[in-house]
Amino acid sequence: MLFFCLTITFLLLAVGKWGLLFVMDGANIYLFVTADFSKNDTIGKTGGGLGVVTALVAYYCGLSELLTDDDVFTIPVGKYPPKSA
C-alpha cells in the first residue's frame, strides 16, 4: 500500500510539473512530454495532497513496527491471530 501510494504521488507530481503523457501500445509503454501552458495546477495539488496521505501511511507503518505487544498503546497491523487447533 505504501509503495503504491508513493508511486502514484510521484506520477501525479511529474504530470503536474512537466505534462507527461503515458501511452500503452500492447506491451510497450511510450512517454511523451507535452507543454502545458494553461497554468492549471490541479494535478500538482492532487499529487501534493496524496503525498501527505502517503506520509501518514508511512508514519502508521513505522509506528506499528515500533510499538510492541508489551506497550500500553498498540495499533492494529492487520495480522490475524493464529488458529487454535
N, C-alpha and C. Protein backbone atom coordinates (compact mmCIF):
# COMPACT_ATOMS: atom_id res chain seq x y z
N MET A 1 0.82 -1.19 0.00
CA MET A 1 0.00 0.00 0.00
C MET A 1 0.87 1.26 0.00
N LEU A 2 1.93 1.23 0.78
CA LEU A 2 2.79 2.41 0.89
C LEU A 2 3.47 2.72 -0.44
N PHE A 3 4.05 1.71 -1.07
CA PHE A 3 4.78 1.96 -2.32
C PHE A 3 3.84 2.27 -3.47
N PHE A 4 2.61 1.76 -3.43
CA PHE A 4 1.61 2.13 -4.43
C PHE A 4 1.28 3.61 -4.31
N CYS A 5 1.03 4.07 -3.08
CA CYS A 5 0.73 5.49 -2.86
C CYS A 5 1.91 6.37 -3.27
N LEU A 6 3.11 5.92 -2.97
CA LEU A 6 4.30 6.70 -3.32
C LEU A 6 4.48 6.79 -4.83
N THR A 7 4.23 5.70 -5.53
CA THR A 7 4.35 5.69 -6.99
C THR A 7 3.32 6.62 -7.63
N ILE A 8 2.08 6.54 -7.17
CA ILE A 8 1.04 7.40 -7.72
C ILE A 8 1.31 8.86 -7.38
N THR A 9 1.85 9.14 -6.21
CA THR A 9 2.20 10.51 -5.83
C THR A 9 3.24 11.08 -6.78
N PHE A 10 4.32 10.34 -7.00
CA PHE A 10 5.37 10.83 -7.90
C PHE A 10 4.86 10.96 -9.33
N LEU A 11 3.98 10.06 -9.75
CA LEU A 11 3.43 10.14 -11.10
C LEU A 11 2.58 11.40 -11.25
N LEU A 12 1.72 11.69 -10.27
CA LEU A 12 0.89 12.89 -10.35
C LEU A 12 1.74 14.16 -10.28
N LEU A 13 2.77 14.16 -9.45
CA LEU A 13 3.64 15.34 -9.37
C LEU A 13 4.40 15.56 -10.67
N ALA A 14 4.82 14.48 -11.31
CA ALA A 14 5.53 14.61 -12.59
C ALA A 14 4.59 15.11 -13.69
N VAL A 15 3.38 14.58 -13.71
CA VAL A 15 2.41 15.02 -14.72
C VAL A 15 2.05 16.48 -14.49
N GLY A 16 1.89 16.87 -13.24
CA GLY A 16 1.56 18.27 -12.94
C GLY A 16 2.68 19.23 -13.26
N LYS A 17 3.92 18.77 -13.16
CA LYS A 17 5.07 19.66 -13.40
C LYS A 17 5.42 19.76 -14.88
N TRP A 18 5.52 18.61 -15.55
CA TRP A 18 6.02 18.60 -16.92
C TRP A 18 4.97 18.25 -17.96
N GLY A 19 3.79 17.86 -17.56
CA GLY A 19 2.79 17.48 -18.54
C GLY A 19 3.15 16.19 -19.24
N LEU A 20 3.46 15.15 -18.48
CA LEU A 20 3.83 13.87 -19.07
C LEU A 20 2.60 13.11 -19.53
N LEU A 21 2.77 12.36 -20.59
CA LEU A 21 1.68 11.57 -21.14
C LEU A 21 2.20 10.16 -21.39
N PHE A 22 1.57 9.17 -20.77
CA PHE A 22 1.95 7.78 -20.94
C PHE A 22 0.97 7.12 -21.90
N VAL A 23 1.50 6.43 -22.91
CA VAL A 23 0.66 5.73 -23.89
C VAL A 23 1.12 4.29 -23.93
N MET A 24 0.16 3.37 -23.79
CA MET A 24 0.47 1.93 -23.87
C MET A 24 0.03 1.39 -25.22
N ASP A 25 0.91 0.65 -25.87
CA ASP A 25 0.62 0.02 -27.15
C ASP A 25 1.00 -1.44 -27.02
N GLY A 26 0.08 -2.27 -26.57
CA GLY A 26 0.39 -3.67 -26.34
C GLY A 26 1.29 -3.80 -25.12
N ALA A 27 2.50 -4.30 -25.34
CA ALA A 27 3.44 -4.49 -24.24
C ALA A 27 4.40 -3.30 -24.10
N ASN A 28 4.31 -2.33 -24.99
CA ASN A 28 5.22 -1.19 -24.97
C ASN A 28 4.54 0.00 -24.29
N ILE A 29 5.34 0.75 -23.53
CA ILE A 29 4.86 1.97 -22.90
C ILE A 29 5.71 3.12 -23.43
N TYR A 30 5.03 4.12 -23.96
CA TYR A 30 5.71 5.29 -24.51
C TYR A 30 5.46 6.48 -23.60
N LEU A 31 6.45 7.33 -23.49
CA LEU A 31 6.37 8.52 -22.64
C LEU A 31 6.53 9.75 -23.52
N PHE A 32 5.56 10.63 -23.48
CA PHE A 32 5.62 11.87 -24.25
C PHE A 32 5.60 13.04 -23.28
N VAL A 33 6.42 14.03 -23.56
CA VAL A 33 6.44 15.25 -22.75
C VAL A 33 5.70 16.31 -23.53
N THR A 34 4.66 16.85 -22.93
CA THR A 34 3.87 17.87 -23.59
C THR A 34 4.03 19.19 -22.86
N ALA A 35 3.88 20.26 -23.56
CA ALA A 35 3.95 21.59 -22.95
C ALA A 35 2.58 21.93 -22.39
N ASP A 36 2.55 22.39 -21.17
CA ASP A 36 1.30 22.77 -20.52
C ASP A 36 1.35 24.27 -20.24
N PHE A 37 0.66 25.03 -21.06
CA PHE A 37 0.67 26.48 -20.91
C PHE A 37 -0.60 26.99 -20.24
N SER A 38 -1.43 26.11 -19.74
CA SER A 38 -2.71 26.54 -19.18
C SER A 38 -2.59 27.01 -17.73
N LYS A 39 -1.47 26.79 -17.09
CA LYS A 39 -1.24 27.17 -15.69
C LYS A 39 -2.29 26.57 -14.76
N ASN A 40 -2.71 25.36 -15.05
CA ASN A 40 -3.67 24.65 -14.21
C ASN A 40 -2.90 23.75 -13.27
N ASP A 41 -2.93 24.06 -11.98
CA ASP A 41 -2.13 23.32 -11.00
C ASP A 41 -2.93 22.25 -10.28
N THR A 42 -4.06 21.86 -10.82
CA THR A 42 -4.92 20.91 -10.13
C THR A 42 -4.24 19.56 -9.95
N ILE A 43 -3.56 19.08 -10.97
CA ILE A 43 -2.90 17.77 -10.88
C ILE A 43 -1.75 17.82 -9.89
N GLY A 44 -0.99 18.90 -9.90
CA GLY A 44 0.11 19.06 -8.95
C GLY A 44 -0.38 19.15 -7.51
N LYS A 45 -1.49 19.84 -7.30
CA LYS A 45 -2.05 19.93 -5.95
C LYS A 45 -2.60 18.59 -5.50
N THR A 46 -3.17 17.84 -6.43
CA THR A 46 -3.64 16.49 -6.10
C THR A 46 -2.47 15.60 -5.71
N GLY A 47 -1.35 15.70 -6.43
CA GLY A 47 -0.16 14.95 -6.08
C GLY A 47 0.39 15.34 -4.72
N GLY A 48 0.31 16.63 -4.38
CA GLY A 48 0.75 17.08 -3.07
C GLY A 48 -0.13 16.56 -1.95
N GLY A 49 -1.43 16.56 -2.19
CA GLY A 49 -2.37 16.00 -1.20
C GLY A 49 -2.16 14.52 -1.00
N LEU A 50 -1.93 13.81 -2.10
CA LEU A 50 -1.65 12.38 -1.99
C LEU A 50 -0.30 12.15 -1.33
N GLY A 51 0.63 13.08 -1.47
CA GLY A 51 1.90 12.99 -0.76
C GLY A 51 1.73 13.06 0.74
N VAL A 52 0.80 13.90 1.19
CA VAL A 52 0.50 13.98 2.63
C VAL A 52 -0.11 12.66 3.10
N VAL A 53 -1.01 12.10 2.31
CA VAL A 53 -1.61 10.80 2.66
C VAL A 53 -0.54 9.72 2.70
N THR A 54 0.39 9.75 1.74
CA THR A 54 1.49 8.78 1.72
C THR A 54 2.36 8.92 2.96
N ALA A 55 2.62 10.15 3.38
CA ALA A 55 3.41 10.36 4.60
C ALA A 55 2.70 9.80 5.82
N LEU A 56 1.38 9.97 5.89
CA LEU A 56 0.62 9.41 7.02
C LEU A 56 0.64 7.89 7.01
N VAL A 57 0.55 7.28 5.83
CA VAL A 57 0.62 5.82 5.73
C VAL A 57 2.00 5.34 6.16
N ALA A 58 3.05 6.05 5.75
CA ALA A 58 4.41 5.68 6.16
C ALA A 58 4.60 5.82 7.66
N TYR A 59 4.03 6.88 8.24
CA TYR A 59 4.11 7.07 9.69
C TYR A 59 3.39 5.93 10.41
N TYR A 60 2.23 5.55 9.92
CA TYR A 60 1.46 4.46 10.53
C TYR A 60 2.24 3.14 10.46
N CYS A 61 2.85 2.87 9.31
CA CYS A 61 3.64 1.63 9.17
C CYS A 61 4.84 1.64 10.10
N GLY A 62 5.53 2.77 10.19
CA GLY A 62 6.68 2.85 11.09
C GLY A 62 6.30 2.74 12.55
N LEU A 63 5.22 3.39 12.92
CA LEU A 63 4.78 3.34 14.31
C LEU A 63 4.30 1.95 14.69
N SER A 64 3.65 1.26 13.75
CA SER A 64 3.17 -0.08 14.08
C SER A 64 4.31 -1.07 14.29
N GLU A 65 5.44 -0.82 13.66
CA GLU A 65 6.60 -1.68 13.87
C GLU A 65 7.34 -1.32 15.15
N LEU A 66 7.28 -0.07 15.56
CA LEU A 66 7.97 0.34 16.79
C LEU A 66 7.24 -0.12 18.04
N LEU A 67 5.93 -0.08 18.02
CA LEU A 67 5.16 -0.49 19.19
C LEU A 67 5.10 -2.01 19.27
N THR A 68 5.30 -2.53 20.46
CA THR A 68 5.27 -3.97 20.66
C THR A 68 4.05 -4.35 21.49
N ASP A 69 3.86 -5.62 21.70
CA ASP A 69 2.73 -6.09 22.50
C ASP A 69 2.86 -5.69 23.97
N ASP A 70 4.07 -5.39 24.43
CA ASP A 70 4.28 -5.02 25.83
C ASP A 70 3.92 -3.57 26.12
N ASP A 71 3.75 -2.75 25.09
CA ASP A 71 3.44 -1.34 25.30
C ASP A 71 1.99 -1.17 25.74
N VAL A 72 1.74 -0.04 26.37
CA VAL A 72 0.38 0.27 26.81
C VAL A 72 -0.53 0.52 25.62
N PHE A 73 0.00 1.14 24.59
CA PHE A 73 -0.78 1.51 23.42
C PHE A 73 -0.28 0.73 22.21
N THR A 74 -1.16 0.07 21.51
CA THR A 74 -0.80 -0.62 20.26
C THR A 74 -1.80 -0.22 19.19
N ILE A 75 -1.40 -0.38 17.94
CA ILE A 75 -2.29 -0.10 16.82
C ILE A 75 -2.42 -1.36 15.98
N PRO A 76 -3.55 -1.53 15.31
CA PRO A 76 -3.74 -2.75 14.51
C PRO A 76 -2.84 -2.75 13.28
N VAL A 77 -2.28 -3.92 12.99
CA VAL A 77 -1.39 -4.04 11.84
C VAL A 77 -1.93 -5.00 10.80
N GLY A 78 -3.09 -5.57 11.01
CA GLY A 78 -3.69 -6.44 10.00
C GLY A 78 -3.24 -7.88 10.07
N LYS A 79 -2.57 -8.27 11.14
CA LYS A 79 -2.14 -9.66 11.28
C LYS A 79 -3.20 -10.41 12.07
N TYR A 80 -3.60 -11.53 11.54
CA TYR A 80 -4.62 -12.34 12.23
C TYR A 80 -3.96 -13.20 13.28
N PRO A 81 -4.65 -13.45 14.39
CA PRO A 81 -4.10 -14.35 15.40
C PRO A 81 -4.06 -15.77 14.87
N PRO A 82 -3.10 -16.56 15.34
CA PRO A 82 -3.01 -17.95 14.86
C PRO A 82 -4.25 -18.75 15.29
N LYS A 83 -4.63 -19.67 14.42
CA LYS A 83 -5.80 -20.52 14.73
C LYS A 83 -5.40 -21.54 15.77
N SER A 84 -6.27 -21.72 16.72
CA SER A 84 -6.02 -22.74 17.74
C SER A 84 -6.56 -24.07 17.23
N ALA A 85 -5.79 -25.12 17.45
CA ALA A 85 -6.16 -26.44 16.92
C ALA A 85 -7.17 -27.15 17.74
